[in-house]
Each structure stands twice: as structure tokens, then as C-alpha cells.
Amino acid sequence: MSPDLTDPAGARDLLRKHGLTPKRSFSQNFLVQPAATARIADAAAELGREVVELGPGLGALTQALLARGCRVLAVELDRDMVRVLEQELGGHPALQIRQGDAAELDLALHSKRCGTKLVVTGNLPYQATGAILRRVVEYREVLLGAVLMVQREVRDRLVAAPGTKEYGALTVFTQAGFAVETVCRLRPGSFYPPPKVESAVVRLLPRTLQLAEETETFRAIVRAAFATRRKTLRNALKALGDPARGARAAAKAGIDLGRRGETLSVEEFAELASCWDPHP
């Protein structure tokens, strides 16, 4: 009988069976909270049935997704975890297992092969969170949504409002294309081994109408605005060249250059970018 992977003892037993221990280098903290596993699987399955799971680890969420009728592409960087998944779940007809870096996955190509839009889910390792979120934003057009477990501080940044200390470039780039909501919050005891930080699960839903078109100009303005948070827009935008150019765009957009970047809404950044003169 397979061990219960939503129980700490079950996760330890499976690791012991395969001669493994959790690896810090891969940020391996396995979710062992049954209710949380079920909520994540439910939230993903509600969006669609073609699911890409990032960092499946021992396969607890994978099992829950398969039980809900999802077809799952499980992308795992750790070759040892790939071996576990292949031996424990490899015979399931709705499961594909791929060894590789989730931050480099071509979601558009997989969507084309499946003939449908995708749902992305998984427990994001801390060191790869930013790269994976950028991937999700980049491939927004082929996604029905994403249900992702992140550190609590990342969740706070994703849902932040203008003018708060958590509000930053990650907030703007994500909220430009997605509505972000919290599914649940998780304490360290929900994992084996327990991490030193709290976690949260967020759901990203593509907006019917984006708040901003993510052009090169938009990206450059947002990054400049948050590069030094204490600077006013007047000083921050000097990094993009001729100060008169920024002044003209701000005047046209009706934005006071005396404001700091963190006070601008996503829509205001979009307006500033649209008013930016493409010719210096």
C-alpha cells in the first residue's frame, strides 16, 4: 500500500524507501497538510483539466490532481524526485513526468501540443520564484490561470496596493495581466521538514482586459521607478535618458513627477508608458 503523502510519516517513509532525505539545495519542504493539498488541487481543477505542475516532489499534489480527472505534466528538476515519481506514479495514463527546470519550460509549445489552454500549479522554490512568475506572466495568453504556493512575503507583494511597502515591480507586472487572490495561508508545520517561513497559496486569473500592455517602454519605466524607492519620478526617470522626455510624458499623462514610483497604480504606469515619446 502506498504511503499517505499528506502525512509527515508517509513522506518520511517514502523518502526512506528510496534512500533519500530532503535537499536544502532544492528547497525541498514537502506539503503534508491534507486539507491544503485538497484546496490547491480543487482550485487548479476548477480552472481546467490540462495542468502543468512545477516541482511535484514526492507527488502528493500530483495524486490529488489525477484523482480529480486532470491530465498532468509534472516538471521536476531533482533527478532523484523524478525517479520517485516514475516508480510510484509513472504508470498513470494521465501523467507525464519531465526532468527539467520549470523556469525554462515553454508553456506555449505545451499548450499547442495539448490543443488547449493550461493551468499551472506547484510549490515554487524560493530561489526560482521570480523566474517562474515572470514565465507565467510571459505566457499569460496560453493560461486559464495559475495556483501557486509561495512564501508569505511573495504573496504580500503580489496582492499589494500602491503606496504600501510591499508594492513593487513584481506587483505591477503581475497585476497588469492577472487578478490575484489568496487561496489559503500555511504555517511551517504544514510541511516536512518545516521551513523557517510562512507560506501562502495564490490564484492568478488572466484579466479579460489587461490593465497595461507589457511593452519594453512599460517595463523600463516600472523598473526605473522602483530601482531606488525613495527617489521621485523626476529623478528615477533620468535613468532612461533625456529628463525632458520623461517630463513631456508625465505632463501628457497628468502625473506629478514629484510623486514616488510606489504611489502609481498599474493603470498610471500604463498611461505614462503610452505617452512616452519613442523618439528621444
Protein backbone atom coordinates (compact mmCIF):
# COMPACT_ATOMS: atom_id res chain seq x y z
CA MET A 1 0.00 0.00 0.00
CA SER A 2 1.39 3.44 -0.94
CA PRO A 3 2.18 5.76 1.98
CA ASP A 4 -0.10 8.71 2.68
CA LEU A 5 1.94 11.62 1.31
CA THR A 6 -0.27 14.16 3.07
CA ASP A 7 1.05 12.84 6.39
CA PRO A 8 4.59 13.59 7.67
CA ALA A 9 5.19 9.93 8.50
CA GLY A 10 4.13 8.93 4.98
CA ALA A 11 6.53 11.42 3.40
CA ARG A 12 9.37 10.21 5.63
CA ASP A 13 8.56 6.57 4.82
CA LEU A 14 8.63 7.23 1.07
CA LEU A 15 11.91 9.10 1.29
CA ARG A 16 13.38 6.27 3.37
CA LYS A 17 12.10 3.70 0.88
CA HIS A 18 14.07 5.41 -1.88
CA GLY A 19 17.12 6.14 0.28
CA LEU A 20 16.60 9.89 0.22
CA THR A 21 16.42 12.87 2.55
CA PRO A 22 15.08 16.39 1.81
CA LYS A 23 17.63 18.54 -0.02
CA ARG A 24 18.18 22.13 1.05
CA SER A 25 19.76 22.93 -2.31
CA PHE A 26 16.36 22.26 -3.95
CA SER A 27 14.33 23.98 -1.19
CA GLN A 28 12.55 20.69 -0.53
CA ASN A 29 9.79 21.19 2.03
CA PHE A 30 7.04 18.70 1.22
CA LEU A 31 3.43 19.72 1.87
CA VAL A 32 1.92 17.25 4.34
CA GLN A 33 -1.35 19.02 5.21
CA PRO A 34 -4.27 17.09 3.65
CA ALA A 35 -6.75 19.99 3.66
CA ALA A 36 -4.26 22.31 1.97
CA THR A 37 -3.38 19.72 -0.67
CA ALA A 38 -7.08 19.28 -1.41
CA ARG A 39 -7.70 23.04 -1.63
CA ILE A 40 -4.84 23.53 -4.07
CA ALA A 41 -5.99 20.62 -6.23
CA ASP A 42 -9.60 21.87 -6.17
CA ALA A 43 -8.56 25.42 -7.08
CA ALA A 44 -6.48 24.17 -10.01
CA ALA A 45 -9.04 21.64 -11.28
CA GLU A 46 -11.78 24.31 -11.19
CA LEU A 47 -9.82 26.29 -13.78
CA GLY A 48 -9.14 23.45 -16.22
CA ARG A 49 -8.06 19.86 -16.67
CA GLU A 50 -4.76 20.28 -18.54
CA VAL A 51 -2.34 21.02 -15.72
CA VAL A 52 1.38 21.74 -15.57
CA GLU A 53 2.71 21.01 -12.09
CA LEU A 54 6.00 22.68 -11.22
CA GLY A 55 8.21 20.92 -8.68
CA PRO A 56 5.94 17.97 -7.81
CA GLY A 57 8.44 16.49 -5.34
CA LEU A 58 7.09 13.26 -3.90
CA GLY A 59 3.80 13.61 -5.76
CA ALA A 60 1.19 14.42 -3.10
CA LEU A 61 -0.42 17.19 -5.16
CA THR A 62 0.11 15.16 -8.32
CA GLN A 63 -2.01 12.34 -6.89
CA ALA A 64 -4.73 14.78 -5.86
CA LEU A 65 -4.83 16.35 -9.34
CA LEU A 66 -5.01 12.96 -11.05
CA ALA A 67 -7.83 11.94 -8.70
CA ARG A 68 -9.79 14.99 -9.91
CA GLY A 69 -9.50 13.93 -13.54
CA CYS A 70 -6.67 16.24 -14.55
CA ARG A 71 -4.03 15.45 -17.12
CA VAL A 72 -0.72 16.42 -15.53
CA LEU A 73 2.69 17.33 -16.90
CA ALA A 74 4.94 17.15 -13.82
CA VAL A 75 8.19 19.09 -14.27
CA GLU A 76 10.82 18.27 -11.64
CA LEU A 77 14.42 19.48 -11.51
CA ASP A 78 15.71 16.92 -8.98
CA ARG A 79 16.57 13.65 -10.74
CA ASP A 80 16.03 11.72 -7.51
CA MET A 81 12.48 13.03 -7.23
CA VAL A 82 11.90 12.16 -10.89
CA ARG A 83 12.91 8.58 -10.05
CA VAL A 84 10.45 8.52 -7.14
CA LEU A 85 7.62 9.84 -9.30
CA GLU A 86 8.35 7.35 -12.07
CA GLN A 87 8.38 4.40 -9.68
CA GLU A 88 5.35 5.46 -7.65
CA LEU A 89 3.10 7.12 -10.23
CA GLY A 90 4.71 6.50 -13.61
CA GLY A 91 2.08 4.02 -14.77
CA HIS A 92 -0.79 6.52 -14.65
CA PRO A 93 -2.07 7.21 -18.19
CA ALA A 94 -2.86 10.88 -17.47
CA LEU A 95 0.62 11.70 -16.13
CA GLN A 96 3.73 12.85 -17.97
CA ILE A 97 6.93 13.26 -15.95
CA ARG A 98 9.70 15.50 -17.23
CA GLN A 99 13.06 16.24 -15.69
CA GLY A 100 13.96 19.90 -16.18
CA ASP A 101 13.93 23.48 -14.96
CA ALA A 102 10.40 24.83 -14.56
CA ALA A 103 11.67 28.37 -15.18
CA GLU A 104 12.68 27.35 -18.71
CA LEU A 105 9.50 25.48 -19.68
CA ASP A 106 7.91 26.57 -22.96
CA LEU A 107 4.27 26.77 -21.91
CA ALA A 108 3.14 27.97 -25.34
CA LEU A 109 4.57 24.87 -27.01
CA HIS A 110 2.95 22.54 -24.48
CA SER A 111 -0.38 24.34 -24.88
CA LYS A 112 -0.15 23.91 -28.65
CA ARG A 113 0.57 20.19 -28.26
CA CYS A 114 -2.39 19.78 -25.91
CA GLY A 115 -4.71 21.83 -28.10
CA THR A 116 -5.98 23.82 -25.14
CA LYS A 117 -5.02 26.45 -22.61
CA LEU A 118 -3.23 25.35 -19.45
CA VAL A 119 -3.41 25.59 -15.69
CA VAL A 120 -0.10 26.00 -13.86
CA THR A 121 0.31 24.91 -10.26
CA GLY A 122 3.01 23.93 -7.80
CA ASN A 123 5.10 24.77 -4.77
CA LEU A 124 7.63 27.30 -6.03
CA PRO A 125 11.18 27.02 -4.65
CA TYR A 126 12.33 30.32 -3.17
CA GLN A 127 15.32 30.77 -5.46
CA ALA A 128 13.23 30.24 -8.61
CA THR A 129 10.03 32.08 -7.61
CA GLY A 130 10.78 35.28 -9.50
CA ALA A 131 11.82 33.49 -12.69
CA ILE A 132 8.74 31.24 -12.65
CA LEU A 133 6.37 34.15 -12.02
CA ARG A 134 7.93 36.01 -14.94
CA ARG A 135 7.33 32.87 -17.04
CA VAL A 136 3.68 32.79 -16.02
CA VAL A 137 3.25 36.48 -16.89
CA GLU A 138 5.04 35.98 -20.21
CA TYR A 139 2.75 33.11 -21.21
CA ARG A 140 -0.49 34.67 -19.98
CA GLU A 141 -2.20 34.15 -23.36
CA VAL A 142 -2.00 30.34 -23.12
CA LEU A 143 -3.13 30.08 -19.49
CA LEU A 144 -6.51 29.61 -17.88
CA GLY A 145 -4.84 30.55 -14.62
CA ALA A 146 -2.25 29.56 -12.06
CA VAL A 147 -2.46 28.26 -8.48
CA LEU A 148 0.92 28.68 -6.84
CA MET A 149 2.38 28.16 -3.39
CA VAL A 150 4.84 30.91 -2.49
CA GLN A 151 6.46 32.37 0.57
CA ARG A 152 4.12 34.63 2.54
CA GLU A 153 6.20 37.71 1.72
CA VAL A 154 5.87 37.00 -2.01
CA ARG A 155 2.10 36.67 -1.63
CA ASP A 156 2.06 40.03 0.15
CA ARG A 157 3.90 41.61 -2.78
CA LEU A 158 1.58 40.04 -5.36
CA VAL A 159 -1.59 41.42 -3.76
CA ALA A 160 -0.12 44.76 -2.59
CA ALA A 161 -1.76 48.12 -3.21
CA PRO A 162 0.04 51.29 -4.37
CA GLY A 163 1.70 53.21 -1.58
CA THR A 164 2.49 50.17 0.59
CA LYS A 165 5.99 48.91 1.29
CA GLU A 166 5.18 45.58 -0.38
CA TYR A 167 4.16 47.23 -3.66
CA GLY A 168 6.86 46.92 -6.31
CA ALA A 169 7.76 45.95 -9.85
CA LEU A 170 6.65 42.33 -9.29
CA THR A 171 3.24 43.62 -8.20
CA VAL A 172 2.84 45.83 -11.24
CA PHE A 173 3.95 43.25 -13.80
CA THR A 174 1.72 40.56 -12.30
CA GLN A 175 -1.38 42.65 -11.67
CA ALA A 176 -1.17 44.16 -15.16
CA GLY A 177 -2.31 40.85 -16.61
CA PHE A 178 -3.80 38.91 -13.70
CA ALA A 179 -6.26 39.31 -10.88
CA VAL A 180 -4.55 37.87 -7.80
CA GLU A 181 -6.38 36.29 -4.87
CA THR A 182 -5.32 34.30 -1.82
CA VAL A 183 -6.48 30.67 -1.62
CA CYS A 184 -5.03 29.84 1.80
CA ARG A 185 -2.15 30.52 4.17
CA LEU A 186 0.11 27.82 5.56
CA ARG A 187 2.22 27.64 8.68
CA PRO A 188 5.62 25.92 8.72
CA GLY A 189 4.10 22.84 10.41
CA SER A 190 2.20 22.08 7.20
CA PHE A 191 5.46 20.91 5.65
CA TYR A 192 8.10 18.24 6.15
CA PRO A 193 10.64 19.39 7.07
CA PRO A 194 9.12 22.64 8.39
CA PRO A 195 10.57 25.74 6.66
CA LYS A 196 11.55 28.85 8.61
CA VAL A 197 8.93 30.99 6.88
CA GLU A 198 5.17 31.01 6.40
CA SER A 199 3.69 30.23 3.00
CA ALA A 200 0.54 31.07 1.07
CA VAL A 201 -1.28 29.81 -1.98
CA VAL A 202 -2.35 32.37 -4.57
CA ARG A 203 -4.57 32.05 -7.61
CA LEU A 204 -3.76 34.15 -10.68
CA LEU A 205 -6.63 34.67 -13.10
CA PRO A 206 -5.91 36.26 -16.51
CA ARG A 207 -7.77 39.54 -16.95
CA THR A 208 -10.15 39.79 -19.89
CA LEU A 209 -8.68 43.24 -20.49
CA GLN A 210 -5.13 43.81 -19.32
CA LEU A 211 -4.51 46.86 -17.15
CA ALA A 212 -1.33 47.52 -19.13
CA GLU A 213 0.35 46.33 -22.29
CA GLU A 214 3.74 44.99 -21.25
CA THR A 215 5.90 46.76 -23.80
CA GLU A 216 9.63 47.38 -23.46
CA THR A 217 8.85 51.00 -22.56
CA PHE A 218 6.40 49.95 -19.85
CA ARG A 219 8.92 47.51 -18.36
CA ALA A 220 11.72 50.07 -18.43
CA ILE A 221 9.61 52.75 -16.72
CA VAL A 222 8.42 50.39 -13.98
CA ARG A 223 11.92 49.11 -13.28
CA ALA A 224 13.35 52.63 -13.16
CA ALA A 225 10.58 53.80 -10.83
CA PHE A 226 11.33 51.06 -8.30
CA ALA A 227 15.13 50.92 -8.69
CA THR A 228 15.50 53.41 -5.84
CA ARG A 229 12.25 53.61 -3.94
CA ARG A 230 12.97 56.90 -2.17
CA LYS A 231 13.51 58.80 -5.42
CA THR A 232 10.81 60.91 -7.00
CA LEU A 233 9.74 60.02 -10.53
CA ARG A 234 11.59 63.11 -11.75
CA ASN A 235 14.88 61.66 -10.55
CA ALA A 236 14.10 57.97 -11.19
CA LEU A 237 13.20 58.51 -14.84
CA LYS A 238 16.54 60.22 -15.51
CA ALA A 239 17.95 56.70 -15.75
CA LEU A 240 16.06 56.34 -19.05
CA GLY A 241 17.84 59.25 -20.76
CA ASP A 242 16.82 62.83 -21.52
CA PRO A 243 14.88 64.20 -18.49
CA ALA A 244 12.76 66.36 -20.81
CA ARG A 245 11.37 63.21 -22.36
CA GLY A 246 10.06 62.00 -19.02
CA ALA A 247 8.67 65.44 -18.23
CA ARG A 248 6.73 65.55 -21.50
CA ALA A 249 5.27 62.08 -20.94
CA ALA A 250 4.29 62.86 -17.36
CA ALA A 251 2.62 66.13 -18.34
CA LYS A 252 0.65 64.40 -21.09
CA ALA A 253 -0.38 61.62 -18.71
CA GLY A 254 -1.32 64.09 -15.95
CA ILE A 255 1.17 62.55 -13.47
CA ASP A 256 3.11 64.70 -10.99
CA LEU A 257 6.85 63.98 -11.28
CA GLY A 258 7.19 64.85 -7.60
CA ARG A 259 5.49 61.56 -6.72
CA ARG A 260 7.41 58.40 -5.92
CA GLY A 261 7.04 55.37 -8.15
CA GLU A 262 5.42 53.22 -5.48
CA THR A 263 2.40 55.55 -5.39
CA LEU A 264 1.46 54.96 -9.04
CA SER A 265 -1.25 52.44 -9.90
CA VAL A 266 -0.75 49.89 -12.66
CA GLU A 267 -3.04 51.99 -14.86
CA GLU A 268 -0.96 55.12 -14.24
CA PHE A 269 2.22 53.29 -15.23
CA ALA A 270 0.41 52.16 -18.38
CA GLU A 271 -0.65 55.72 -19.17
CA LEU A 272 2.86 57.05 -18.62
CA ALA A 273 4.27 54.39 -20.97
CA SER A 274 1.67 55.15 -23.64
CA CYS A 275 2.59 58.84 -23.52
CA TRP A 276 6.33 58.18 -23.73
CA ASP A 277 7.82 59.65 -26.89
CA PRO A 278 9.52 56.77 -28.77
CA HIS A 279 11.95 59.24 -30.34
CA PRO A 280 14.49 60.88 -28.00
